[in-house]
Amino acid sequence: MDLKAENAASLNFGAAVASRIMEHPGSQLVVIIEGPAITVFDKKNYLDHQGIVDSWVALVEKGVRVEYCGNSVRGVGLSPADMVGLSKKNPAVVNVGAYPAIAHYESLGFNGVVTTLLEK
């Protein structure tokens, strides 16, 4: 799933979509988070966004693989070391960029899902 996160609401929406996908038996899901809301996952911002981050931790515990777009991380002035790891076993995964990562997973047989939160 390509989650273009403009704000906290889009991250919550993406988590809801991911949760529904994972309700189906046998589902496998990789979520690439990109966009300016990537700053929510900056370790320094954890206490301000604990609810959002913890909802993504719960998804990882259900088997969702989450990667951060490297271009987005660098674009907001962060480094991979700044990003929250979403499980004790797996540190933060910062890929080279959303589009190469999506192409990689599609080559492995994953189908693309793009979420868009429509605001009034």
N, C-alpha and C. Protein backbone atom coordinates (compact mmCIF):
# COMPACT_ATOMS: atom_id res chain seq x y z
N MET A 1 0.85 -1.16 0.00
CA MET A 1 0.00 0.00 0.00
C MET A 1 0.89 1.23 0.00
N ASP A 2 0.61 2.13 -0.87
CA ASP A 2 1.32 3.40 -0.95
C ASP A 2 0.50 4.41 -0.17
N LEU A 3 0.98 4.81 1.00
CA LEU A 3 0.25 5.75 1.84
C LEU A 3 0.90 7.12 1.73
N LYS A 4 0.24 7.98 0.97
CA LYS A 4 0.71 9.35 0.81
C LYS A 4 0.12 10.16 1.96
N ALA A 5 0.94 10.41 2.98
CA ALA A 5 0.47 10.99 4.23
C ALA A 5 0.75 12.48 4.28
N GLU A 6 -0.30 13.26 4.10
CA GLU A 6 -0.18 14.71 4.17
C GLU A 6 -0.27 15.22 5.60
N ASN A 7 -1.01 14.49 6.46
CA ASN A 7 -1.25 14.94 7.83
C ASN A 7 -1.60 13.73 8.70
N ALA A 8 -1.82 13.99 9.99
CA ALA A 8 -2.12 12.91 10.92
C ALA A 8 -3.41 12.18 10.54
N ALA A 9 -4.40 12.90 10.02
CA ALA A 9 -5.66 12.27 9.62
C ALA A 9 -5.42 11.23 8.53
N SER A 10 -4.53 11.52 7.59
CA SER A 10 -4.26 10.55 6.52
C SER A 10 -3.54 9.31 7.07
N LEU A 11 -2.73 9.48 8.11
CA LEU A 11 -2.09 8.32 8.74
C LEU A 11 -3.12 7.46 9.45
N ASN A 12 -4.07 8.09 10.13
CA ASN A 12 -5.14 7.34 10.79
C ASN A 12 -6.00 6.61 9.77
N PHE A 13 -6.32 7.27 8.67
CA PHE A 13 -7.10 6.65 7.61
C PHE A 13 -6.35 5.44 7.03
N GLY A 14 -5.06 5.61 6.78
CA GLY A 14 -4.25 4.51 6.25
C GLY A 14 -4.22 3.33 7.21
N ALA A 15 -4.13 3.61 8.50
CA ALA A 15 -4.13 2.53 9.49
C ALA A 15 -5.47 1.79 9.47
N ALA A 16 -6.56 2.52 9.31
CA ALA A 16 -7.88 1.89 9.24
C ALA A 16 -7.99 0.99 8.01
N VAL A 17 -7.51 1.47 6.88
CA VAL A 17 -7.54 0.67 5.65
C VAL A 17 -6.68 -0.58 5.82
N ALA A 18 -5.48 -0.42 6.35
CA ALA A 18 -4.58 -1.56 6.56
C ALA A 18 -5.21 -2.59 7.50
N SER A 19 -5.86 -2.11 8.54
CA SER A 19 -6.52 -3.02 9.49
C SER A 19 -7.61 -3.83 8.81
N ARG A 20 -8.38 -3.19 7.96
CA ARG A 20 -9.44 -3.91 7.24
C ARG A 20 -8.87 -4.93 6.26
N ILE A 21 -7.80 -4.58 5.60
CA ILE A 21 -7.16 -5.53 4.69
C ILE A 21 -6.69 -6.76 5.46
N MET A 22 -6.11 -6.53 6.64
CA MET A 22 -5.56 -7.64 7.42
C MET A 22 -6.63 -8.50 8.06
N GLU A 23 -7.89 -8.08 8.04
CA GLU A 23 -8.98 -8.91 8.56
C GLU A 23 -9.24 -10.12 7.67
N HIS A 24 -8.81 -10.06 6.42
CA HIS A 24 -9.04 -11.17 5.49
C HIS A 24 -7.97 -12.24 5.72
N PRO A 25 -8.38 -13.48 5.91
CA PRO A 25 -7.43 -14.57 6.16
C PRO A 25 -6.37 -14.66 5.06
N GLY A 26 -5.14 -14.82 5.47
CA GLY A 26 -4.05 -14.99 4.53
C GLY A 26 -3.50 -13.71 3.92
N SER A 27 -4.01 -12.57 4.37
CA SER A 27 -3.54 -11.29 3.80
C SER A 27 -2.10 -11.01 4.17
N GLN A 28 -1.39 -10.47 3.21
CA GLN A 28 -0.04 -9.96 3.42
C GLN A 28 -0.05 -8.52 2.96
N LEU A 29 0.56 -7.65 3.75
CA LEU A 29 0.51 -6.24 3.41
C LEU A 29 1.83 -5.57 3.73
N VAL A 30 2.31 -4.80 2.76
CA VAL A 30 3.47 -3.92 2.95
C VAL A 30 2.95 -2.51 2.76
N VAL A 31 3.24 -1.62 3.71
CA VAL A 31 2.82 -0.23 3.61
C VAL A 31 4.07 0.64 3.49
N ILE A 32 4.09 1.44 2.44
CA ILE A 32 5.16 2.43 2.25
C ILE A 32 4.56 3.78 2.63
N ILE A 33 5.09 4.37 3.71
CA ILE A 33 4.58 5.67 4.16
C ILE A 33 5.46 6.76 3.57
N GLU A 34 4.81 7.70 2.89
CA GLU A 34 5.54 8.81 2.29
C GLU A 34 4.78 10.11 2.52
N GLY A 35 5.45 11.22 2.32
CA GLY A 35 4.82 12.52 2.44
C GLY A 35 5.23 13.25 3.70
N PRO A 36 4.76 14.48 3.85
CA PRO A 36 5.20 15.33 4.95
C PRO A 36 4.83 14.82 6.34
N ALA A 37 3.79 14.02 6.46
CA ALA A 37 3.40 13.51 7.78
C ALA A 37 4.35 12.43 8.29
N ILE A 38 5.37 12.11 7.52
CA ILE A 38 6.38 11.15 7.96
C ILE A 38 7.02 11.63 9.27
N THR A 39 6.95 12.95 9.53
CA THR A 39 7.53 13.50 10.75
C THR A 39 6.84 12.97 12.01
N VAL A 40 5.64 12.44 11.88
CA VAL A 40 4.95 11.82 13.02
C VAL A 40 5.81 10.69 13.59
N PHE A 41 6.56 10.02 12.73
CA PHE A 41 7.35 8.86 13.13
C PHE A 41 8.78 9.22 13.54
N ASP A 42 9.07 10.51 13.65
CA ASP A 42 10.35 10.97 14.18
C ASP A 42 10.35 10.65 15.68
N LYS A 43 11.41 10.02 16.17
CA LYS A 43 11.48 9.64 17.58
C LYS A 43 11.19 10.82 18.50
N LYS A 44 11.61 12.02 18.12
CA LYS A 44 11.39 13.20 18.96
C LYS A 44 9.91 13.55 19.08
N ASN A 45 9.09 13.09 18.14
CA ASN A 45 7.67 13.44 18.13
C ASN A 45 6.78 12.35 18.71
N TYR A 46 7.38 11.29 19.24
CA TYR A 46 6.58 10.15 19.69
C TYR A 46 5.50 10.54 20.71
N LEU A 47 5.86 11.30 21.71
CA LEU A 47 4.88 11.63 22.75
C LEU A 47 3.73 12.48 22.19
N ASP A 48 4.01 13.31 21.21
CA ASP A 48 2.96 14.13 20.60
C ASP A 48 2.01 13.30 19.73
N HIS A 49 2.49 12.17 19.22
CA HIS A 49 1.70 11.37 18.27
C HIS A 49 1.63 9.90 18.71
N GLN A 50 1.70 9.67 19.99
CA GLN A 50 1.77 8.30 20.51
C GLN A 50 0.61 7.43 20.03
N GLY A 51 -0.61 7.96 20.00
CA GLY A 51 -1.75 7.17 19.57
C GLY A 51 -1.63 6.68 18.14
N ILE A 52 -1.19 7.56 17.27
CA ILE A 52 -1.03 7.19 15.85
C ILE A 52 0.07 6.14 15.71
N VAL A 53 1.22 6.42 16.33
CA VAL A 53 2.35 5.49 16.22
C VAL A 53 1.96 4.13 16.79
N ASP A 54 1.30 4.12 17.94
CA ASP A 54 0.92 2.86 18.55
C ASP A 54 -0.08 2.08 17.69
N SER A 55 -0.93 2.78 16.93
CA SER A 55 -1.85 2.06 16.03
C SER A 55 -1.06 1.34 14.94
N TRP A 56 0.03 1.96 14.48
CA TRP A 56 0.88 1.31 13.48
C TRP A 56 1.68 0.17 14.10
N VAL A 57 2.08 0.31 15.35
CA VAL A 57 2.77 -0.79 16.05
C VAL A 57 1.84 -2.00 16.11
N ALA A 58 0.56 -1.77 16.43
CA ALA A 58 -0.40 -2.87 16.49
C ALA A 58 -0.55 -3.56 15.13
N LEU A 59 -0.50 -2.79 14.05
CA LEU A 59 -0.58 -3.39 12.72
C LEU A 59 0.66 -4.23 12.42
N VAL A 60 1.82 -3.74 12.81
CA VAL A 60 3.06 -4.52 12.61
C VAL A 60 2.97 -5.83 13.39
N GLU A 61 2.41 -5.78 14.58
CA GLU A 61 2.25 -7.00 15.37
C GLU A 61 1.30 -7.99 14.71
N LYS A 62 0.41 -7.50 13.83
CA LYS A 62 -0.51 -8.37 13.09
C LYS A 62 0.10 -8.85 11.77
N GLY A 63 1.35 -8.45 11.51
CA GLY A 63 2.03 -8.95 10.31
C GLY A 63 2.23 -7.94 9.20
N VAL A 64 1.79 -6.70 9.38
CA VAL A 64 2.00 -5.68 8.35
C VAL A 64 3.47 -5.25 8.37
N ARG A 65 4.07 -5.16 7.19
CA ARG A 65 5.43 -4.64 7.07
C ARG A 65 5.31 -3.16 6.72
N VAL A 66 5.99 -2.31 7.48
CA VAL A 66 5.93 -0.88 7.25
C VAL A 66 7.32 -0.37 6.90
N GLU A 67 7.38 0.39 5.82
CA GLU A 67 8.63 1.04 5.42
C GLU A 67 8.37 2.53 5.26
N TYR A 68 9.39 3.31 5.57
CA TYR A 68 9.32 4.75 5.37
C TYR A 68 10.03 5.10 4.07
N CYS A 69 9.45 6.01 3.30
CA CYS A 69 10.05 6.47 2.06
C CYS A 69 11.31 7.27 2.38
N GLY A 70 12.44 6.83 1.88
CA GLY A 70 13.70 7.51 2.12
C GLY A 70 13.70 8.94 1.60
N ASN A 71 13.07 9.17 0.46
CA ASN A 71 13.01 10.53 -0.08
C ASN A 71 12.22 11.45 0.84
N SER A 72 11.13 10.95 1.41
CA SER A 72 10.33 11.76 2.33
C SER A 72 11.10 12.02 3.63
N VAL A 73 11.78 11.00 4.12
CA VAL A 73 12.56 11.17 5.36
C VAL A 73 13.61 12.26 5.15
N ARG A 74 14.37 12.15 4.07
CA ARG A 74 15.39 13.16 3.79
C ARG A 74 14.77 14.52 3.48
N GLY A 75 13.62 14.51 2.81
CA GLY A 75 12.96 15.74 2.41
C GLY A 75 12.51 16.62 3.58
N VAL A 76 12.25 16.00 4.73
CA VAL A 76 11.85 16.77 5.91
C VAL A 76 13.03 16.98 6.86
N GLY A 77 14.24 16.65 6.38
CA GLY A 77 15.45 16.91 7.17
C GLY A 77 15.76 15.87 8.23
N LEU A 78 15.22 14.65 8.07
CA LEU A 78 15.50 13.58 9.03
C LEU A 78 16.46 12.56 8.43
N SER A 79 16.95 11.68 9.28
CA SER A 79 17.80 10.57 8.83
C SER A 79 17.14 9.27 9.28
N PRO A 80 17.56 8.14 8.73
CA PRO A 80 16.99 6.86 9.17
C PRO A 80 17.07 6.65 10.68
N ALA A 81 18.13 7.12 11.31
CA ALA A 81 18.29 6.96 12.75
C ALA A 81 17.25 7.73 13.56
N ASP A 82 16.61 8.72 12.94
CA ASP A 82 15.59 9.53 13.63
C ASP A 82 14.23 8.84 13.70
N MET A 83 14.05 7.78 12.91
CA MET A 83 12.73 7.20 12.75
C MET A 83 12.42 6.13 13.80
N VAL A 84 11.16 6.09 14.23
CA VAL A 84 10.69 5.13 15.21
C VAL A 84 10.64 3.75 14.57
N GLY A 85 11.21 2.77 15.26
CA GLY A 85 11.03 1.38 14.87
C GLY A 85 9.67 0.93 15.39
N LEU A 86 8.93 0.16 14.63
CA LEU A 86 7.57 -0.18 15.02
C LEU A 86 7.44 -1.53 15.70
N SER A 87 8.56 -2.19 15.95
CA SER A 87 8.54 -3.39 16.78
C SER A 87 9.91 -3.57 17.40
N LYS A 88 9.94 -4.30 18.49
CA LYS A 88 11.22 -4.52 19.17
C LYS A 88 12.17 -5.35 18.33
N LYS A 89 11.61 -6.22 17.49
CA LYS A 89 12.44 -7.08 16.65
C LYS A 89 12.91 -6.38 15.38
N ASN A 90 12.15 -5.40 14.92
CA ASN A 90 12.46 -4.76 13.65
C ASN A 90 12.67 -3.27 13.82
N PRO A 91 13.88 -2.80 13.56
CA PRO A 91 14.11 -1.36 13.61
C PRO A 91 13.39 -0.69 12.44
N ALA A 92 13.38 0.62 12.45
CA ALA A 92 12.75 1.36 11.36
C ALA A 92 13.37 0.97 10.03
N VAL A 93 12.53 0.76 9.03
CA VAL A 93 13.00 0.45 7.69
C VAL A 93 12.79 1.69 6.83
N VAL A 94 13.87 2.28 6.38
CA VAL A 94 13.82 3.44 5.49
C VAL A 94 14.37 2.98 4.15
N ASN A 95 13.49 2.95 3.14
CA ASN A 95 13.92 2.49 1.83
C ASN A 95 14.50 3.64 1.02
N VAL A 96 14.96 3.37 -0.19
CA VAL A 96 15.56 4.42 -1.02
C VAL A 96 14.53 5.41 -1.52
N GLY A 97 13.31 4.96 -1.65
CA GLY A 97 12.23 5.81 -2.13
C GLY A 97 10.98 4.98 -2.33
N ALA A 98 9.83 5.63 -2.29
CA ALA A 98 8.56 4.90 -2.38
C ALA A 98 8.43 4.16 -3.71
N TYR A 99 8.70 4.83 -4.82
CA TYR A 99 8.44 4.20 -6.12
C TYR A 99 9.33 2.99 -6.39
N PRO A 100 10.62 3.04 -6.11
CA PRO A 100 11.41 1.81 -6.28
C PRO A 100 10.95 0.69 -5.36
N ALA A 101 10.55 1.03 -4.13
CA ALA A 101 10.08 0.00 -3.20
C ALA A 101 8.77 -0.62 -3.70
N ILE A 102 7.87 0.21 -4.18
CA ILE A 102 6.60 -0.30 -4.70
C ILE A 102 6.85 -1.20 -5.90
N ALA A 103 7.73 -0.79 -6.79
CA ALA A 103 8.07 -1.63 -7.96
C ALA A 103 8.65 -2.96 -7.51
N HIS A 104 9.48 -2.93 -6.48
CA HIS A 104 10.07 -4.18 -5.97
C HIS A 104 8.99 -5.12 -5.47
N TYR A 105 8.08 -4.62 -4.65
CA TYR A 105 7.04 -5.48 -4.11
C TYR A 105 6.06 -5.95 -5.19
N GLU A 106 5.79 -5.13 -6.18
CA GLU A 106 4.94 -5.57 -7.29
C GLU A 106 5.63 -6.69 -8.07
N SER A 107 6.95 -6.62 -8.19
CA SER A 107 7.68 -7.69 -8.89
C SER A 107 7.62 -9.01 -8.12
N LEU A 108 7.34 -8.93 -6.81
CA LEU A 108 7.20 -10.12 -5.99
C LEU A 108 5.76 -10.65 -5.97
N GLY A 109 4.87 -9.96 -6.68
CA GLY A 109 3.49 -10.42 -6.78
C GLY A 109 2.48 -9.64 -5.95
N PHE A 110 2.91 -8.64 -5.23
CA PHE A 110 1.98 -7.81 -4.47
C PHE A 110 1.19 -6.91 -5.42
N ASN A 111 -0.05 -6.64 -5.08
CA ASN A 111 -0.89 -5.72 -5.85
C ASN A 111 -0.87 -4.36 -5.17
N GLY A 112 -0.81 -3.34 -5.96
CA GLY A 112 -0.74 -1.99 -5.40
C GLY A 112 -2.08 -1.51 -4.87
N VAL A 113 -2.03 -0.82 -3.73
CA VAL A 113 -3.19 -0.16 -3.15
C VAL A 113 -2.74 1.26 -2.83
N VAL A 114 -3.52 2.24 -3.27
CA VAL A 114 -3.20 3.64 -2.96
C VAL A 114 -4.37 4.20 -2.19
N THR A 115 -4.07 4.76 -1.02
CA THR A 115 -5.14 5.35 -0.21
C THR A 115 -5.12 6.86 -0.35
N THR A 116 -6.29 7.44 -0.37
CA THR A 116 -6.41 8.88 -0.44
C THR A 116 -7.55 9.30 0.48
N LEU A 117 -7.24 10.09 1.48
CA LEU A 117 -8.26 10.63 2.36
C LEU A 117 -8.83 11.87 1.71
N LEU A 118 -10.11 11.83 1.43
CA LEU A 118 -10.76 12.99 0.81
C LEU A 118 -11.35 13.86 1.90
N GLU A 119 -10.87 15.07 1.98
CA GLU A 119 -11.35 15.99 3.00
C GLU A 119 -12.33 16.97 2.37
N LYS A 120 -13.28 17.43 3.17
CA LYS A 120 -14.28 18.38 2.70
C LYS A 120 -13.72 19.77 2.65
